[in-house]
């Protein structure tokens, strides 16, 4: 199986494509040859859009992104069906490539999850050629392509998340070790210091922090500290569970390290 160029007419055209001058570099990732051929013909009419590779599997897409500097990936939704971490992995491997996912039908949960994981646009398979071209251009410029229905879904999802995080009845359950780590974080301790105090390794602390971030809906240790302050998290857990780790009454005058955004 050809790793990248599965269209036989493209086998010897890599060099001419790369030398074609500036433009939006697009990879077509689609299991259906008829869609790849159709999209290629659409983009061939545009002077500022170049199809630099075509792939039919997710594995081949990873290989293509390693080989070709890419601006936009037009991705068939079926290729990532059942693969939860596909989008984050694509974003990690090619952070400068913007992802557009084509779907057969739209639903709220799938659409919201795609945008949350880093997709810049979700479009139907039946999208018109002129709208597809416009979508690629807008996303290549750094914009997000989202219709009114999807906007409503995303806003509702974030409102629901915010409500659940502030509702004491549905507060996420944290383990004693997670609470101990959070307590250390609020005192400005580094991962190395926390690991020494708890009796484990830095990697284990990082793993716990990722779980805590997911549970509380925060992205880094600074947001975690602010969340704890705003919701009096440690105080509430100390009341509910007398065995929970105590919150220091007075923070040290010189914390070992300022809170930083990165883990």
C-alpha atoms as a PDB file:
ATOM      1  CA  UNK A   1       0.000   0.000   0.000  1.00  0.00           C
ATOM      2  CA  UNK A   2       1.277   3.448  -0.870  1.00  0.00           C
ATOM      3  CA  UNK A   3       2.084   5.383   2.292  1.00  0.00           C
ATOM      4  CA  UNK A   4       1.083   8.854   1.173  1.00  0.00           C
ATOM      5  CA  UNK A   5       0.172   9.297  -2.483  1.00  0.00           C
ATOM      6  CA  UNK A   6      -2.491   6.689  -3.113  1.00  0.00           C
ATOM      7  CA  UNK A   7      -3.626   8.426  -6.316  1.00  0.00           C
ATOM      8  CA  UNK A   8      -1.359   6.875  -9.014  1.00  0.00           C
ATOM      9  CA  UNK A   9      -1.456  10.073 -11.064  1.00  0.00           C
ATOM     10  CA  UNK A  10       0.310  11.822  -8.176  1.00  0.00           C
ATOM     11  CA  UNK A  11       3.230   9.448  -7.678  1.00  0.00           C
ATOM     12  CA  UNK A  12       5.803  11.545  -9.518  1.00  0.00           C
ATOM     13  CA  UNK A  13       4.302  14.946  -8.908  1.00  0.00           C
ATOM     14  CA  UNK A  14       5.655  15.691  -5.425  1.00  0.00           C
ATOM     15  CA  UNK A  15       8.493  17.934  -6.617  1.00  0.00           C
ATOM     16  CA  UNK A  16       6.355  20.046  -8.988  1.00  0.00           C
ATOM     17  CA  UNK A  17       3.762  20.509  -6.248  1.00  0.00           C
ATOM     18  CA  UNK A  18       6.385  21.684  -3.746  1.00  0.00           C
ATOM     19  CA  UNK A  19       7.807  24.092  -6.347  1.00  0.00           C
ATOM     20  CA  UNK A  20       4.419  25.518  -7.301  1.00  0.00           C
ATOM     21  CA  UNK A  21       4.931  28.630  -5.176  1.00  0.00           C
ATOM     22  CA  UNK A  22       3.058  30.016  -2.195  1.00  0.00           C
ATOM     23  CA  UNK A  23      -0.458  28.940  -1.386  1.00  0.00           C
ATOM     24  CA  UNK A  24      -2.596  27.087   1.130  1.00  0.00           C
ATOM     25  CA  UNK A  25      -1.166  23.581   1.412  1.00  0.00           C
ATOM     26  CA  UNK A  26      -3.931  20.996   1.856  1.00  0.00           C
ATOM     27  CA  UNK A  27      -3.906  17.286   2.646  1.00  0.00           C
ATOM     28  CA  UNK A  28      -7.007  15.315   1.687  1.00  0.00           C
ATOM     29  CA  UNK A  29      -7.613  12.482   4.160  1.00  0.00           C
ATOM     30  CA  UNK A  30     -10.566  10.426   2.975  1.00  0.00           C
ATOM     31  CA  UNK A  31     -11.274   6.712   2.621  1.00  0.00           C
ATOM     32  CA  UNK A  32     -13.455   7.336  -0.442  1.00  0.00           C
ATOM     33  CA  UNK A  33     -11.550   7.880  -3.704  1.00  0.00           C
ATOM     34  CA  UNK A  34     -14.505   9.644  -5.296  1.00  0.00           C
ATOM     35  CA  UNK A  35     -14.431  12.348  -2.621  1.00  0.00           C
ATOM     36  CA  UNK A  36     -10.675  12.814  -2.959  1.00  0.00           C
ATOM     37  CA  UNK A  37     -10.928  13.148  -6.730  1.00  0.00           C
ATOM     38  CA  UNK A  38     -13.833  15.567  -6.439  1.00  0.00           C
ATOM     39  CA  UNK A  39     -12.167  17.788  -3.852  1.00  0.00           C
ATOM     40  CA  UNK A  40      -8.908  17.820  -5.783  1.00  0.00           C
ATOM     41  CA  UNK A  41     -10.749  19.039  -8.887  1.00  0.00           C
ATOM     42  CA  UNK A  42     -12.470  21.755  -6.856  1.00  0.00           C
ATOM     43  CA  UNK A  43      -9.195  23.044  -5.427  1.00  0.00           C
ATOM     44  CA  UNK A  44      -7.397  22.760  -8.789  1.00  0.00           C
ATOM     45  CA  UNK A  45      -9.498  25.701  -9.989  1.00  0.00           C
ATOM     46  CA  UNK A  46      -8.130  27.920  -7.197  1.00  0.00           C
ATOM     47  CA  UNK A  47      -4.760  29.623  -7.605  1.00  0.00           C
ATOM     48  CA  UNK A  48      -4.138  29.907  -3.864  1.00  0.00           C
ATOM     49  CA  UNK A  49      -4.910  26.318  -2.787  1.00  0.00           C
ATOM     50  CA  UNK A  50      -2.630  23.321  -3.421  1.00  0.00           C
ATOM     51  CA  UNK A  51      -3.375  19.678  -2.655  1.00  0.00           C
ATOM     52  CA  UNK A  52       0.023  18.388  -1.559  1.00  0.00           C
ATOM     53  CA  UNK A  53      -0.990  14.853  -0.526  1.00  0.00           C
ATOM     54  CA  UNK A  54      -3.896  12.435  -0.470  1.00  0.00           C
ATOM     55  CA  UNK A  55      -4.307   9.630   2.074  1.00  0.00           C
ATOM     56  CA  UNK A  56      -6.950   7.026   2.771  1.00  0.00           C
ATOM     57  CA  UNK A  57      -6.170   6.004   6.371  1.00  0.00           C
ATOM     58  CA  UNK A  58      -5.358   7.697   9.649  1.00  0.00           C
ATOM     59  CA  UNK A  59      -1.969   5.967   9.756  1.00  0.00           C
ATOM     60  CA  UNK A  60      -1.096   7.371   6.338  1.00  0.00           C
ATOM     61  CA  UNK A  61      -2.199  10.810   7.488  1.00  0.00           C
ATOM     62  CA  UNK A  62       0.295  10.718  10.351  1.00  0.00           C
ATOM     63  CA  UNK A  63       3.017   9.829   7.836  1.00  0.00           C
ATOM     64  CA  UNK A  64       1.985  12.602   5.448  1.00  0.00           C
ATOM     65  CA  UNK A  65       2.048  15.222   8.205  1.00  0.00           C
ATOM     66  CA  UNK A  66       5.584  14.168   9.065  1.00  0.00           C
ATOM     67  CA  UNK A  67       6.649  14.547   5.442  1.00  0.00           C
ATOM     68  CA  UNK A  68       4.778  17.626   4.224  1.00  0.00           C
ATOM     69  CA  UNK A  69       4.498  21.083   5.812  1.00  0.00           C
ATOM     70  CA  UNK A  70       0.719  21.494   5.880  1.00  0.00           C
ATOM     71  CA  UNK A  71      -1.676  24.382   6.422  1.00  0.00           C
ATOM     72  CA  UNK A  72      -5.033  22.581   6.341  1.00  0.00           C
ATOM     73  CA  UNK A  73      -6.131  18.957   6.660  1.00  0.00           C
ATOM     74  CA  UNK A  74      -9.515  18.058   5.204  1.00  0.00           C
ATOM     75  CA  UNK A  75     -10.404  14.947   7.202  1.00  0.00           C
ATOM     76  CA  UNK A  76     -13.244  12.476   6.744  1.00  0.00           C
ATOM     77  CA  UNK A  77     -14.966  12.005  10.086  1.00  0.00           C
ATOM     78  CA  UNK A  78     -15.207   8.247   9.577  1.00  0.00           C
ATOM     79  CA  UNK A  79     -11.415   7.961   9.679  1.00  0.00           C
ATOM     80  CA  UNK A  80     -11.353   8.987  13.339  1.00  0.00           C
ATOM     81  CA  UNK A  81     -14.553   7.200  14.366  1.00  0.00           C
ATOM     82  CA  UNK A  82     -13.907   5.258  17.564  1.00  0.00           C
ATOM     83  CA  UNK A  83     -10.422   6.747  17.944  1.00  0.00           C
ATOM     84  CA  UNK A  84     -10.764   9.099  20.923  1.00  0.00           C
ATOM     85  CA  UNK A  85      -7.264  10.539  20.888  1.00  0.00           C
ATOM     86  CA  UNK A  86      -6.918  10.954  17.114  1.00  0.00           C
ATOM     87  CA  UNK A  87      -7.523  14.719  17.050  1.00  0.00           C
ATOM     88  CA  UNK A  88      -5.206  15.593  19.984  1.00  0.00           C
ATOM     89  CA  UNK A  89      -2.510  13.380  18.443  1.00  0.00           C
ATOM     90  CA  UNK A  90      -2.841  15.112  15.061  1.00  0.00           C
ATOM     91  CA  UNK A  91      -2.665  18.496  16.795  1.00  0.00           C
ATOM     92  CA  UNK A  92       0.414  17.349  18.705  1.00  0.00           C
ATOM     93  CA  UNK A  93       2.200  16.026  15.630  1.00  0.00           C
ATOM     94  CA  UNK A  94       1.379  19.006  13.413  1.00  0.00           C
ATOM     95  CA  UNK A  95       0.467  22.012  15.604  1.00  0.00           C
ATOM     96  CA  UNK A  96       0.495  24.379  12.609  1.00  0.00           C
ATOM     97  CA  UNK A  97      -1.920  22.271  10.547  1.00  0.00           C
ATOM     98  CA  UNK A  98      -5.556  23.281  10.977  1.00  0.00           C
ATOM     99  CA  UNK A  99      -8.136  20.495  10.925  1.00  0.00           C
ATOM    100  CA  UNK A 100     -11.466  20.447   9.102  1.00  0.00           C
ATOM    101  CA  UNK A 101     -13.645  17.395   9.705  1.00  0.00           C
ATOM    102  CA  UNK A 102     -16.283  16.328   7.197  1.00  0.00           C
ATOM    103  CA  UNK A 103     -19.243  14.491   8.709  1.00  0.00           C
ATOM    104  CA  UNK A 104     -22.167  12.626   7.193  1.00  0.00           C
ATOM    105  CA  UNK A 105     -24.539  13.965   9.827  1.00  0.00           C
ATOM    106  CA  UNK A 106     -24.082  16.361  12.712  1.00  0.00           C
ATOM    107  CA  UNK A 107     -24.998  15.697  16.319  1.00  0.00           C
ATOM    108  CA  UNK A 108     -24.473  17.798  19.412  1.00  0.00           C
ATOM    109  CA  UNK A 109     -22.108  15.640  21.457  1.00  0.00           C
ATOM    110  CA  UNK A 110     -19.797  14.758  18.570  1.00  0.00           C
ATOM    111  CA  UNK A 111     -19.646  18.337  17.268  1.00  0.00           C
ATOM    112  CA  UNK A 112     -18.870  19.818  20.686  1.00  0.00           C
ATOM    113  CA  UNK A 113     -16.189  17.198  21.345  1.00  0.00           C
ATOM    114  CA  UNK A 114     -14.493  17.854  17.988  1.00  0.00           C
ATOM    115  CA  UNK A 115     -14.228  21.590  18.674  1.00  0.00           C
ATOM    116  CA  UNK A 116     -13.025  20.947  22.224  1.00  0.00           C
ATOM    117  CA  UNK A 117     -10.222  18.709  20.985  1.00  0.00           C
ATOM    118  CA  UNK A 118      -8.862  21.252  18.526  1.00  0.00           C
ATOM    119  CA  UNK A 119     -10.779  20.998  15.242  1.00  0.00           C
ATOM    120  CA  UNK A 120     -11.160  24.354  13.474  1.00  0.00           C
ATOM    121  CA  UNK A 121     -14.187  23.440  11.390  1.00  0.00           C
ATOM    122  CA  UNK A 122     -16.904  20.771  11.117  1.00  0.00           C
ATOM    123  CA  UNK A 123     -18.646  20.638   7.736  1.00  0.00           C
ATOM    124  CA  UNK A 124     -21.136  18.248   6.109  1.00  0.00           C
ATOM    125  CA  UNK A 125     -20.031  15.873   3.354  1.00  0.00           C
ATOM    126  CA  UNK A 126     -22.642  17.543   1.172  1.00  0.00           C
ATOM    127  CA  UNK A 127     -21.045  21.003   1.452  1.00  0.00           C
ATOM    128  CA  UNK A 128     -21.048  22.970  -1.805  1.00  0.00           C
ATOM    129  CA  UNK A 129     -17.714  23.494  -3.602  1.00  0.00           C
ATOM    130  CA  UNK A 130     -17.756  27.278  -3.175  1.00  0.00           C
ATOM    131  CA  UNK A 131     -18.429  26.998   0.573  1.00  0.00           C
ATOM    132  CA  UNK A 132     -15.701  24.372   0.939  1.00  0.00           C
ATOM    133  CA  UNK A 133     -13.186  26.692  -0.730  1.00  0.00           C
ATOM    134  CA  UNK A 134     -14.311  29.590   1.466  1.00  0.00           C
ATOM    135  CA  UNK A 135     -14.040  27.383   4.568  1.00  0.00           C
ATOM    136  CA  UNK A 136     -10.468  26.331   3.725  1.00  0.00           C
ATOM    137  CA  UNK A 137      -9.414  29.935   3.162  1.00  0.00           C
ATOM    138  CA  UNK A 138     -10.985  31.218   6.376  1.00  0.00           C
ATOM    139  CA  UNK A 139      -9.470  28.454   8.479  1.00  0.00           C
ATOM    140  CA  UNK A 140      -6.060  28.868   6.852  1.00  0.00           C
ATOM    141  CA  UNK A 141      -6.230  32.521   7.952  1.00  0.00           C
ATOM    142  CA  UNK A 142      -6.676  31.402  11.555  1.00  0.00           C
ATOM    143  CA  UNK A 143     -10.457  31.653  11.880  1.00  0.00           C
ATOM    144  CA  UNK A 144     -12.878  29.007  13.132  1.00  0.00           C
ATOM    145  CA  UNK A 145     -15.616  27.782  10.813  1.00  0.00           C
ATOM    146  CA  UNK A 146     -18.745  27.117  12.844  1.00  0.00           C
ATOM    147  CA  UNK A 147     -22.442  27.394  11.973  1.00  0.00           C
ATOM    148  CA  UNK A 148     -25.146  28.869  14.199  1.00  0.00           C
ATOM    149  CA  UNK A 149     -26.394  25.478  15.392  1.00  0.00           C
ATOM    150  CA  UNK A 150     -22.896  24.387  16.421  1.00  0.00           C
ATOM    151  CA  UNK A 151     -22.324  27.701  18.210  1.00  0.00           C
ATOM    152  CA  UNK A 152     -25.449  27.052  20.289  1.00  0.00           C
ATOM    153  CA  UNK A 153     -24.295  23.519  21.089  1.00  0.00           C
ATOM    154  CA  UNK A 154     -20.832  24.668  22.169  1.00  0.00           C
ATOM    155  CA  UNK A 155     -22.201  27.507  24.323  1.00  0.00           C
ATOM    156  CA  UNK A 156     -24.734  25.180  25.977  1.00  0.00           C
ATOM    157  CA  UNK A 157     -22.006  22.624  26.670  1.00  0.00           C
ATOM    158  CA  UNK A 158     -19.768  25.168  28.397  1.00  0.00           C
ATOM    159  CA  UNK A 159     -22.686  26.554  30.389  1.00  0.00           C
ATOM    160  CA  UNK A 160     -23.572  23.056  31.501  1.00  0.00           C
ATOM    161  CA  UNK A 161     -19.968  22.412  32.491  1.00  0.00           C
ATOM    162  CA  UNK A 162     -19.796  25.661  34.453  1.00  0.00           C
ATOM    163  CA  UNK A 163     -23.033  24.820  36.257  1.00  0.00           C
ATOM    164  CA  UNK A 164     -21.860  21.336  37.173  1.00  0.00           C
ATOM    165  CA  UNK A 165     -18.583  22.662  38.546  1.00  0.00           C
ATOM    166  CA  UNK A 166     -20.324  25.176  40.810  1.00  0.00           C
ATOM    167  CA  UNK A 167     -23.190  22.932  41.922  1.00  0.00           C
ATOM    168  CA  UNK A 168     -22.199  21.360  45.272  1.00  0.00           C
ATOM    169  CA  UNK A 169     -24.465  18.399  44.547  1.00  0.00           C
ATOM    170  CA  UNK A 170     -22.353  17.389  41.577  1.00  0.00           C
ATOM    171  CA  UNK A 171     -18.902  18.434  42.734  1.00  0.00           C
ATOM    172  CA  UNK A 172     -16.312  16.029  41.323  1.00  0.00           C
ATOM    173  CA  UNK A 173     -15.064  13.434  43.769  1.00  0.00           C
ATOM    174  CA  UNK A 174     -11.392  13.803  44.575  1.00  0.00           C
ATOM    175  CA  UNK A 175      -9.257  11.198  46.281  1.00  0.00           C
ATOM    176  CA  UNK A 176      -7.247  11.937  49.431  1.00  0.00           C
ATOM    177  CA  UNK A 177      -4.010  11.830  47.450  1.00  0.00           C
ATOM    178  CA  UNK A 178      -5.423  14.253  44.865  1.00  0.00           C
ATOM    179  CA  UNK A 179      -6.462  16.600  47.655  1.00  0.00           C
ATOM    180  CA  UNK A 180      -3.008  16.359  49.200  1.00  0.00           C
ATOM    181  CA  UNK A 181      -1.441  17.287  45.868  1.00  0.00           C
ATOM    182  CA  UNK A 182      -3.869  20.176  45.406  1.00  0.00           C
ATOM    183  CA  UNK A 183      -3.009  21.429  48.881  1.00  0.00           C
ATOM    184  CA  UNK A 184       0.676  21.434  47.921  1.00  0.00           C
ATOM    185  CA  UNK A 185      -0.073  23.221  44.660  1.00  0.00           C
ATOM    186  CA  UNK A 186      -1.871  26.024  46.494  1.00  0.00           C
ATOM    187  CA  UNK A 187       1.288  26.511  48.559  1.00  0.00           C
ATOM    188  CA  UNK A 188       3.373  26.990  45.407  1.00  0.00           C
ATOM    189  CA  UNK A 189       5.274  23.737  45.700  1.00  0.00           C
ATOM    190  CA  UNK A 190       7.007  22.250  42.668  1.00  0.00           C
ATOM    191  CA  UNK A 191       6.265  18.755  41.395  1.00  0.00           C
ATOM    192  CA  UNK A 192       9.619  17.550  42.710  1.00  0.00           C
ATOM    193  CA  UNK A 193       8.858  18.872  46.193  1.00  0.00           C
ATOM    194  CA  UNK A 194       5.357  17.402  46.136  1.00  0.00           C
ATOM    195  CA  UNK A 195       6.716  14.019  45.066  1.00  0.00           C
ATOM    196  CA  UNK A 196       9.237  14.048  47.916  1.00  0.00           C
ATOM    197  CA  UNK A 197       6.600  14.996  50.477  1.00  0.00           C
ATOM    198  CA  UNK A 198       4.100  12.369  49.350  1.00  0.00           C
ATOM    199  CA  UNK A 199       6.719   9.713  48.707  1.00  0.00           C
ATOM    200  CA  UNK A 200       6.414   9.134  44.976  1.00  0.00           C
ATOM    201  CA  UNK A 201       7.918  10.312  41.681  1.00  0.00           C
ATOM    202  CA  UNK A 202       7.477  13.500  39.655  1.00  0.00           C
ATOM    203  CA  UNK A 203       5.859  11.533  36.814  1.00  0.00           C
ATOM    204  CA  UNK A 204       3.230  10.145  39.174  1.00  0.00           C
ATOM    205  CA  UNK A 205       2.466  13.694  40.350  1.00  0.00           C
ATOM    206  CA  UNK A 206       2.089  14.802  36.721  1.00  0.00           C
ATOM    207  CA  UNK A 207      -0.304  11.918  36.079  1.00  0.00           C
ATOM    208  CA  UNK A 208      -2.400  12.859  39.114  1.00  0.00           C
ATOM    209  CA  UNK A 209      -2.480  16.499  38.023  1.00  0.00           C
ATOM    210  CA  UNK A 210      -3.807  15.582  34.596  1.00  0.00           C
ATOM    211  CA  UNK A 211      -6.649  13.657  36.232  1.00  0.00           C
ATOM    212  CA  UNK A 212      -7.379  16.575  38.569  1.00  0.00           C
ATOM    213  CA  UNK A 213      -7.415  19.027  35.658  1.00  0.00           C
ATOM    214  CA  UNK A 214      -9.911  16.833  33.803  1.00  0.00           C
ATOM    215  CA  UNK A 215     -12.151  16.448  36.853  1.00  0.00           C
ATOM    216  CA  UNK A 216     -12.262  20.176  37.634  1.00  0.00           C
ATOM    217  CA  UNK A 217     -12.231  21.474  34.070  1.00  0.00           C
ATOM    218  CA  UNK A 218      -9.036  23.511  34.450  1.00  0.00           C
ATOM    219  CA  UNK A 219      -5.985  23.553  32.186  1.00  0.00           C
ATOM    220  CA  UNK A 220      -2.990  24.237  34.450  1.00  0.00           C
ATOM    221  CA  UNK A 221      -1.818  24.651  38.055  1.00  0.00           C
ATOM    222  CA  UNK A 222      -2.570  28.382  38.099  1.00  0.00           C
ATOM    223  CA  UNK A 223      -6.205  27.795  37.104  1.00  0.00           C
ATOM    224  CA  UNK A 224      -6.318  24.987  39.660  1.00  0.00           C
ATOM    225  CA  UNK A 225      -5.187  27.321  42.449  1.00  0.00           C
ATOM    226  CA  UNK A 226      -7.691  29.988  41.391  1.00  0.00           C
ATOM    227  CA  UNK A 227     -10.458  27.395  41.220  1.00  0.00           C
ATOM    228  CA  UNK A 228      -9.653  26.204  44.745  1.00  0.00           C
ATOM    229  CA  UNK A 229      -9.645  29.774  46.014  1.00  0.00           C
ATOM    230  CA  UNK A 230     -12.928  30.688  44.344  1.00  0.00           C
ATOM    231  CA  UNK A 231     -14.780  27.516  45.366  1.00  0.00           C
ATOM    232  CA  UNK A 232     -13.038  27.057  48.743  1.00  0.00           C
ATOM    233  CA  UNK A 233     -12.445  23.506  47.570  1.00  0.00           C
ATOM    234  CA  UNK A 234     -10.090  22.312  50.285  1.00  0.00           C
ATOM    235  CA  UNK A 235     -12.181  23.920  53.032  1.00  0.00           C
ATOM    236  CA  UNK A 236     -15.339  22.195  51.788  1.00  0.00           C
ATOM    237  CA  UNK A 237     -13.673  18.821  51.612  1.00  0.00           C
ATOM    238  CA  UNK A 238     -12.189  19.266  55.077  1.00  0.00           C
ATOM    239  CA  UNK A 239     -15.708  19.843  56.445  1.00  0.00           C
ATOM    240  CA  UNK A 240     -17.179  16.894  54.542  1.00  0.00           C
ATOM    241  CA  UNK A 241     -14.283  14.573  55.300  1.00  0.00           C
ATOM    242  CA  UNK A 242     -12.377  15.152  58.568  1.00  0.00           C
ATOM    243  CA  UNK A 243      -9.638  12.803  57.307  1.00  0.00           C
ATOM    244  CA  UNK A 244      -8.919  15.004  54.282  1.00  0.00           C
ATOM    245  CA  UNK A 245      -5.543  16.765  54.263  1.00  0.00           C
ATOM    246  CA  UNK A 246      -5.699  20.069  56.125  1.00  0.00           C
ATOM    247  CA  UNK A 247      -5.324  23.376  54.334  1.00  0.00           C
ATOM    248  CA  UNK A 248      -2.506  25.482  55.791  1.00  0.00           C
ATOM    249  CA  UNK A 249      -3.944  28.387  57.744  1.00  0.00           C
ATOM    250  CA  UNK A 250      -1.266  30.799  56.623  1.00  0.00           C
ATOM    251  CA  UNK A 251       0.702  30.404  53.434  1.00  0.00           C
ATOM    252  CA  UNK A 252       4.490  30.547  53.681  1.00  0.00           C
ATOM    253  CA  UNK A 253       5.870  34.020  53.293  1.00  0.00           C
ATOM    254  CA  UNK A 254       8.279  32.861  50.600  1.00  0.00           C
ATOM    255  CA  UNK A 255       6.746  30.082  48.510  1.00  0.00           C
ATOM    256  CA  UNK A 256       9.221  27.683  47.005  1.00  0.00           C
ATOM    257  CA  UNK A 257       8.148  28.696  43.513  1.00  0.00           C
ATOM    258  CA  UNK A 258       5.485  30.990  42.010  1.00  0.00           C
ATOM    259  CA  UNK A 259       2.512  29.286  40.424  1.00  0.00           C
ATOM    260  CA  UNK A 260       3.107  28.794  36.731  1.00  0.00           C
ATOM    261  CA  UNK A 261       0.714  28.122  33.917  1.00  0.00           C
ATOM    262  CA  UNK A 262       2.555  25.052  32.643  1.00  0.00           C
ATOM    263  CA  UNK A 263       2.557  21.730  34.451  1.00  0.00           C
END
